[in-house]
Structure formats: C-alpha cells, structure tokens
Amino acid sequence: MEAIRQANPNVVEINLRIGQLICDQVPVESEAISEAYWERLTGAIERWQPKLTSSYYLHALIEVSVVANDIRWISREGKKLLLEHTGECSWQAK
C-alpha cells in the first residue's frame, strides 16, 4: 500500500502543472514518463504474491492492481498532455 500512496503526490503535481499550463497559461516544465515507480510496485506485488493462499488475498491483489493501473494511466496521460502542450508552445519553459 505504501507504493500506491507514493504515486498520489506525483499525480497531484502533474494535475497542478496541467492546470497552470492550460487554465492559467503559465509556462511549466514537462516531466519524463518513467517506469521506475512501476518497477518498484511490480517488485512489491511479486513479494506479496506468495501469500495468495485464499480468495481473500486474491481479491485484495485485484483491487490494488486496479487502483495502481488507474494511477498509472492518469499519470501517463497527464505527462503526455504536458509534453504535447509544452512542445507546441513558443513560450515553453526551459
């Protein structure tokens, strides 16, 4: 669960940048799409997976996976949006 909690500030920061860029028209820096967080999360899931001895743990793993996938999608799409908009604007932040 700690790995999922660590993703939340990143998503919040990306949303703030998108708001500044699009709504406030303030130049912002884009952020590279990185797989480092997801590799750590995969490692945590692989360490937890041997505990799947009943459907209770399987349901928990499915719920965590759905939340993690949603966070991943939101983060990637936000970063893509920032990259598209910072690359197109003449006032791009350096």
N, C-alpha and C. Protein backbone atom coordinates (compact mmCIF):
# COMPACT_ATOMS: atom_id res chain seq x y z
N MET A 1 0.82 -1.19 0.00
CA MET A 1 0.00 0.00 0.00
C MET A 1 0.87 1.26 0.00
N GLU A 2 2.04 1.16 0.59
CA GLU A 2 2.93 2.33 0.62
C GLU A 2 3.33 2.73 -0.80
N ALA A 3 3.56 1.76 -1.65
CA ALA A 3 3.93 2.06 -3.04
C ALA A 3 2.82 2.84 -3.74
N ILE A 4 1.58 2.50 -3.46
CA ILE A 4 0.45 3.21 -4.09
C ILE A 4 0.35 4.63 -3.51
N ARG A 5 0.55 4.76 -2.20
CA ARG A 5 0.49 6.09 -1.58
C ARG A 5 1.54 7.02 -2.16
N GLN A 6 2.69 6.49 -2.54
CA GLN A 6 3.76 7.32 -3.09
C GLN A 6 3.40 7.87 -4.46
N ALA A 7 2.50 7.25 -5.17
CA ALA A 7 2.11 7.73 -6.50
C ALA A 7 1.20 8.94 -6.43
N ASN A 8 0.44 9.09 -5.37
CA ASN A 8 -0.55 10.16 -5.28
C ASN A 8 0.07 11.56 -5.41
N PRO A 9 1.15 11.89 -4.70
CA PRO A 9 1.71 13.24 -4.88
C PRO A 9 2.16 13.52 -6.30
N ASN A 10 2.64 12.51 -7.00
CA ASN A 10 3.05 12.67 -8.39
C ASN A 10 1.85 13.04 -9.27
N VAL A 11 0.75 12.36 -9.08
CA VAL A 11 -0.46 12.65 -9.86
C VAL A 11 -0.97 14.05 -9.53
N VAL A 12 -0.95 14.43 -8.27
CA VAL A 12 -1.40 15.77 -7.86
C VAL A 12 -0.51 16.83 -8.50
N GLU A 13 0.80 16.62 -8.49
CA GLU A 13 1.73 17.57 -9.09
C GLU A 13 1.49 17.70 -10.60
N ILE A 14 1.28 16.61 -11.27
CA ILE A 14 1.01 16.65 -12.72
C ILE A 14 -0.27 17.43 -12.99
N ASN A 15 -1.31 17.18 -12.20
CA ASN A 15 -2.58 17.90 -12.38
C ASN A 15 -2.40 19.40 -12.14
N LEU A 16 -1.60 19.77 -11.15
CA LEU A 16 -1.34 21.19 -10.90
C LEU A 16 -0.63 21.83 -12.09
N ARG A 17 0.34 21.13 -12.64
CA ARG A 17 1.06 21.66 -13.81
C ARG A 17 0.13 21.82 -15.01
N ILE A 18 -0.73 20.84 -15.21
CA ILE A 18 -1.69 20.93 -16.32
C ILE A 18 -2.59 22.14 -16.13
N GLY A 19 -3.07 22.34 -14.91
CA GLY A 19 -3.91 23.50 -14.62
C GLY A 19 -3.18 24.81 -14.87
N GLN A 20 -1.92 24.88 -14.43
CA GLN A 20 -1.14 26.10 -14.66
C GLN A 20 -0.93 26.36 -16.14
N LEU A 21 -0.64 25.30 -16.87
CA LEU A 21 -0.35 25.43 -18.29
C LEU A 21 -1.58 25.81 -19.10
N ILE A 22 -2.66 25.09 -18.89
CA ILE A 22 -3.84 25.27 -19.74
C ILE A 22 -4.75 26.38 -19.22
N CYS A 23 -5.06 26.38 -17.95
CA CYS A 23 -6.01 27.36 -17.41
C CYS A 23 -5.36 28.71 -17.14
N ASP A 24 -4.18 28.68 -16.51
CA ASP A 24 -3.52 29.93 -16.12
C ASP A 24 -2.54 30.43 -17.18
N GLN A 25 -2.28 29.59 -18.18
CA GLN A 25 -1.34 29.89 -19.26
C GLN A 25 0.03 30.30 -18.71
N VAL A 26 0.48 29.56 -17.70
CA VAL A 26 1.78 29.76 -17.09
C VAL A 26 2.72 28.70 -17.66
N PRO A 27 3.91 29.08 -18.09
CA PRO A 27 4.84 28.08 -18.62
C PRO A 27 5.25 27.08 -17.53
N VAL A 28 5.27 25.82 -17.87
CA VAL A 28 5.69 24.77 -16.95
C VAL A 28 6.63 23.83 -17.68
N GLU A 29 7.38 23.06 -16.90
CA GLU A 29 8.26 22.07 -17.48
C GLU A 29 7.51 20.75 -17.58
N SER A 30 7.78 20.02 -18.65
CA SER A 30 7.17 18.70 -18.77
C SER A 30 7.94 17.73 -17.89
N GLU A 31 7.41 16.55 -17.76
CA GLU A 31 8.05 15.53 -16.94
C GLU A 31 8.15 14.25 -17.76
N ALA A 32 9.31 13.63 -17.73
CA ALA A 32 9.52 12.40 -18.50
C ALA A 32 8.67 11.27 -17.92
N ILE A 33 8.22 10.41 -18.80
CA ILE A 33 7.49 9.23 -18.38
C ILE A 33 8.52 8.20 -17.94
N SER A 34 8.41 7.77 -16.69
CA SER A 34 9.39 6.85 -16.12
C SER A 34 8.71 5.57 -15.65
N GLU A 35 9.41 4.49 -15.79
CA GLU A 35 8.89 3.20 -15.34
C GLU A 35 9.44 2.81 -13.97
N ALA A 36 10.28 3.64 -13.35
CA ALA A 36 10.93 3.29 -12.08
C ALA A 36 9.89 2.98 -10.99
N TYR A 37 8.89 3.84 -10.86
CA TYR A 37 7.87 3.61 -9.83
C TYR A 37 7.16 2.27 -10.06
N TRP A 38 6.82 2.00 -11.31
CA TRP A 38 6.06 0.79 -11.62
C TRP A 38 6.92 -0.45 -11.44
N GLU A 39 8.22 -0.33 -11.64
CA GLU A 39 9.11 -1.46 -11.37
C GLU A 39 9.16 -1.76 -9.87
N ARG A 40 9.18 -0.71 -9.04
CA ARG A 40 9.13 -0.91 -7.57
C ARG A 40 7.81 -1.56 -7.17
N LEU A 41 6.70 -1.10 -7.76
CA LEU A 41 5.39 -1.66 -7.45
C LEU A 41 5.33 -3.12 -7.87
N THR A 42 5.87 -3.45 -9.04
CA THR A 42 5.90 -4.84 -9.50
C THR A 42 6.67 -5.70 -8.52
N GLY A 43 7.81 -5.20 -8.04
CA GLY A 43 8.59 -5.94 -7.05
C GLY A 43 7.80 -6.19 -5.78
N ALA A 44 7.05 -5.19 -5.32
CA ALA A 44 6.24 -5.34 -4.11
C ALA A 44 5.14 -6.39 -4.33
N ILE A 45 4.52 -6.38 -5.49
CA ILE A 45 3.47 -7.35 -5.79
C ILE A 45 4.07 -8.75 -5.87
N GLU A 46 5.24 -8.88 -6.47
CA GLU A 46 5.87 -10.19 -6.57
C GLU A 46 6.25 -10.74 -5.19
N ARG A 47 6.64 -9.87 -4.27
CA ARG A 47 6.95 -10.33 -2.91
C ARG A 47 5.68 -10.72 -2.16
N TRP A 48 4.57 -10.07 -2.48
CA TRP A 48 3.32 -10.33 -1.78
C TRP A 48 2.58 -11.53 -2.36
N GLN A 49 2.82 -11.81 -3.63
CA GLN A 49 2.08 -12.84 -4.36
C GLN A 49 2.12 -14.22 -3.70
N PRO A 50 3.23 -14.67 -3.10
CA PRO A 50 3.21 -15.99 -2.45
C PRO A 50 2.18 -16.11 -1.32
N LYS A 51 1.70 -14.99 -0.80
CA LYS A 51 0.70 -15.02 0.27
C LYS A 51 -0.70 -15.34 -0.25
N LEU A 52 -0.85 -15.46 -1.55
CA LEU A 52 -2.17 -15.70 -2.13
C LEU A 52 -2.60 -17.15 -1.86
N THR A 53 -3.05 -17.38 -0.65
CA THR A 53 -3.46 -18.72 -0.26
C THR A 53 -4.98 -18.87 -0.24
N SER A 54 -5.68 -17.76 -0.40
CA SER A 54 -7.14 -17.83 -0.41
C SER A 54 -7.69 -16.73 -1.31
N SER A 55 -8.98 -16.79 -1.55
CA SER A 55 -9.59 -15.77 -2.40
C SER A 55 -9.56 -14.40 -1.73
N TYR A 56 -9.45 -14.35 -0.41
CA TYR A 56 -9.37 -13.07 0.31
C TYR A 56 -8.17 -12.27 -0.21
N TYR A 57 -7.01 -12.91 -0.28
CA TYR A 57 -5.81 -12.22 -0.74
C TYR A 57 -5.86 -11.94 -2.23
N LEU A 58 -6.48 -12.82 -2.98
CA LEU A 58 -6.61 -12.62 -4.41
C LEU A 58 -7.47 -11.39 -4.70
N HIS A 59 -8.57 -11.25 -3.99
CA HIS A 59 -9.44 -10.08 -4.18
C HIS A 59 -8.69 -8.80 -3.81
N ALA A 60 -7.91 -8.85 -2.76
CA ALA A 60 -7.13 -7.67 -2.36
C ALA A 60 -6.12 -7.31 -3.44
N LEU A 61 -5.46 -8.32 -3.99
CA LEU A 61 -4.49 -8.07 -5.06
C LEU A 61 -5.16 -7.47 -6.28
N ILE A 62 -6.33 -7.96 -6.62
CA ILE A 62 -7.07 -7.42 -7.77
C ILE A 62 -7.43 -5.96 -7.53
N GLU A 63 -7.90 -5.64 -6.33
CA GLU A 63 -8.25 -4.25 -6.02
C GLU A 63 -7.04 -3.34 -6.11
N VAL A 64 -5.92 -3.77 -5.53
CA VAL A 64 -4.70 -2.97 -5.59
C VAL A 64 -4.25 -2.81 -7.04
N SER A 65 -4.35 -3.85 -7.81
CA SER A 65 -3.94 -3.80 -9.22
C SER A 65 -4.79 -2.81 -10.01
N VAL A 66 -6.08 -2.80 -9.77
CA VAL A 66 -6.97 -1.87 -10.48
C VAL A 66 -6.63 -0.43 -10.11
N VAL A 67 -6.42 -0.17 -8.83
CA VAL A 67 -6.07 1.18 -8.39
C VAL A 67 -4.72 1.59 -8.98
N ALA A 68 -3.73 0.70 -8.92
CA ALA A 68 -2.41 1.01 -9.47
C ALA A 68 -2.49 1.27 -10.98
N ASN A 69 -3.27 0.49 -11.68
CA ASN A 69 -3.42 0.70 -13.12
C ASN A 69 -4.08 2.04 -13.42
N ASP A 70 -5.08 2.41 -12.65
CA ASP A 70 -5.73 3.71 -12.84
C ASP A 70 -4.75 4.85 -12.59
N ILE A 71 -3.96 4.74 -11.52
CA ILE A 71 -2.97 5.77 -11.22
C ILE A 71 -1.95 5.85 -12.35
N ARG A 72 -1.53 4.71 -12.84
CA ARG A 72 -0.56 4.68 -13.93
C ARG A 72 -1.12 5.36 -15.17
N TRP A 73 -2.36 5.05 -15.52
CA TRP A 73 -2.98 5.65 -16.70
C TRP A 73 -3.09 7.17 -16.53
N ILE A 74 -3.57 7.61 -15.37
CA ILE A 74 -3.73 9.04 -15.12
C ILE A 74 -2.39 9.76 -15.22
N SER A 75 -1.38 9.18 -14.61
CA SER A 75 -0.05 9.78 -14.61
C SER A 75 0.52 9.86 -16.02
N ARG A 76 0.44 8.77 -16.77
CA ARG A 76 0.96 8.76 -18.14
C ARG A 76 0.24 9.76 -19.03
N GLU A 77 -1.08 9.77 -18.96
CA GLU A 77 -1.84 10.68 -19.82
C GLU A 77 -1.57 12.14 -19.45
N GLY A 78 -1.44 12.41 -18.17
CA GLY A 78 -1.11 13.77 -17.74
C GLY A 78 0.25 14.20 -18.26
N LYS A 79 1.23 13.30 -18.16
CA LYS A 79 2.57 13.62 -18.66
C LYS A 79 2.56 13.79 -20.17
N LYS A 80 1.80 12.95 -20.86
CA LYS A 80 1.69 13.10 -22.32
C LYS A 80 1.08 14.45 -22.68
N LEU A 81 0.06 14.85 -21.95
CA LEU A 81 -0.58 16.13 -22.20
C LEU A 81 0.39 17.28 -21.98
N LEU A 82 1.17 17.20 -20.89
CA LEU A 82 2.17 18.23 -20.65
C LEU A 82 3.21 18.27 -21.76
N LEU A 83 3.67 17.10 -22.18
CA LEU A 83 4.67 17.05 -23.25
C LEU A 83 4.13 17.66 -24.54
N GLU A 84 2.89 17.33 -24.87
CA GLU A 84 2.28 17.86 -26.09
C GLU A 84 2.17 19.38 -26.03
N HIS A 85 1.70 19.89 -24.90
CA HIS A 85 1.47 21.33 -24.81
C HIS A 85 2.75 22.12 -24.61
N THR A 86 3.71 21.59 -23.88
CA THR A 86 4.96 22.34 -23.71
C THR A 86 5.78 22.29 -24.98
N GLY A 87 5.62 21.26 -25.77
CA GLY A 87 6.35 21.16 -27.03
C GLY A 87 5.78 22.04 -28.12
N GLU A 88 4.49 22.37 -28.04
CA GLU A 88 3.83 23.16 -29.08
C GLU A 88 3.90 24.66 -28.83
N CYS A 89 4.12 25.05 -27.60
CA CYS A 89 4.04 26.48 -27.25
C CYS A 89 5.37 27.17 -27.46
N SER A 90 5.35 28.36 -28.00
CA SER A 90 6.58 29.12 -28.22
C SER A 90 7.17 29.63 -26.91
N TRP A 91 6.35 29.69 -25.86
CA TRP A 91 6.83 30.18 -24.57
C TRP A 91 7.22 29.03 -23.64
N GLN A 92 7.58 27.93 -24.21
CA GLN A 92 7.96 26.73 -23.44
C GLN A 92 9.02 27.06 -22.41
N ALA A 93 8.81 26.57 -21.20
CA ALA A 93 9.79 26.76 -20.12
C ALA A 93 11.04 25.94 -20.42
N LYS A 94 12.18 26.48 -20.10
CA LYS A 94 13.45 25.77 -20.30
C LYS A 94 14.00 25.31 -18.98
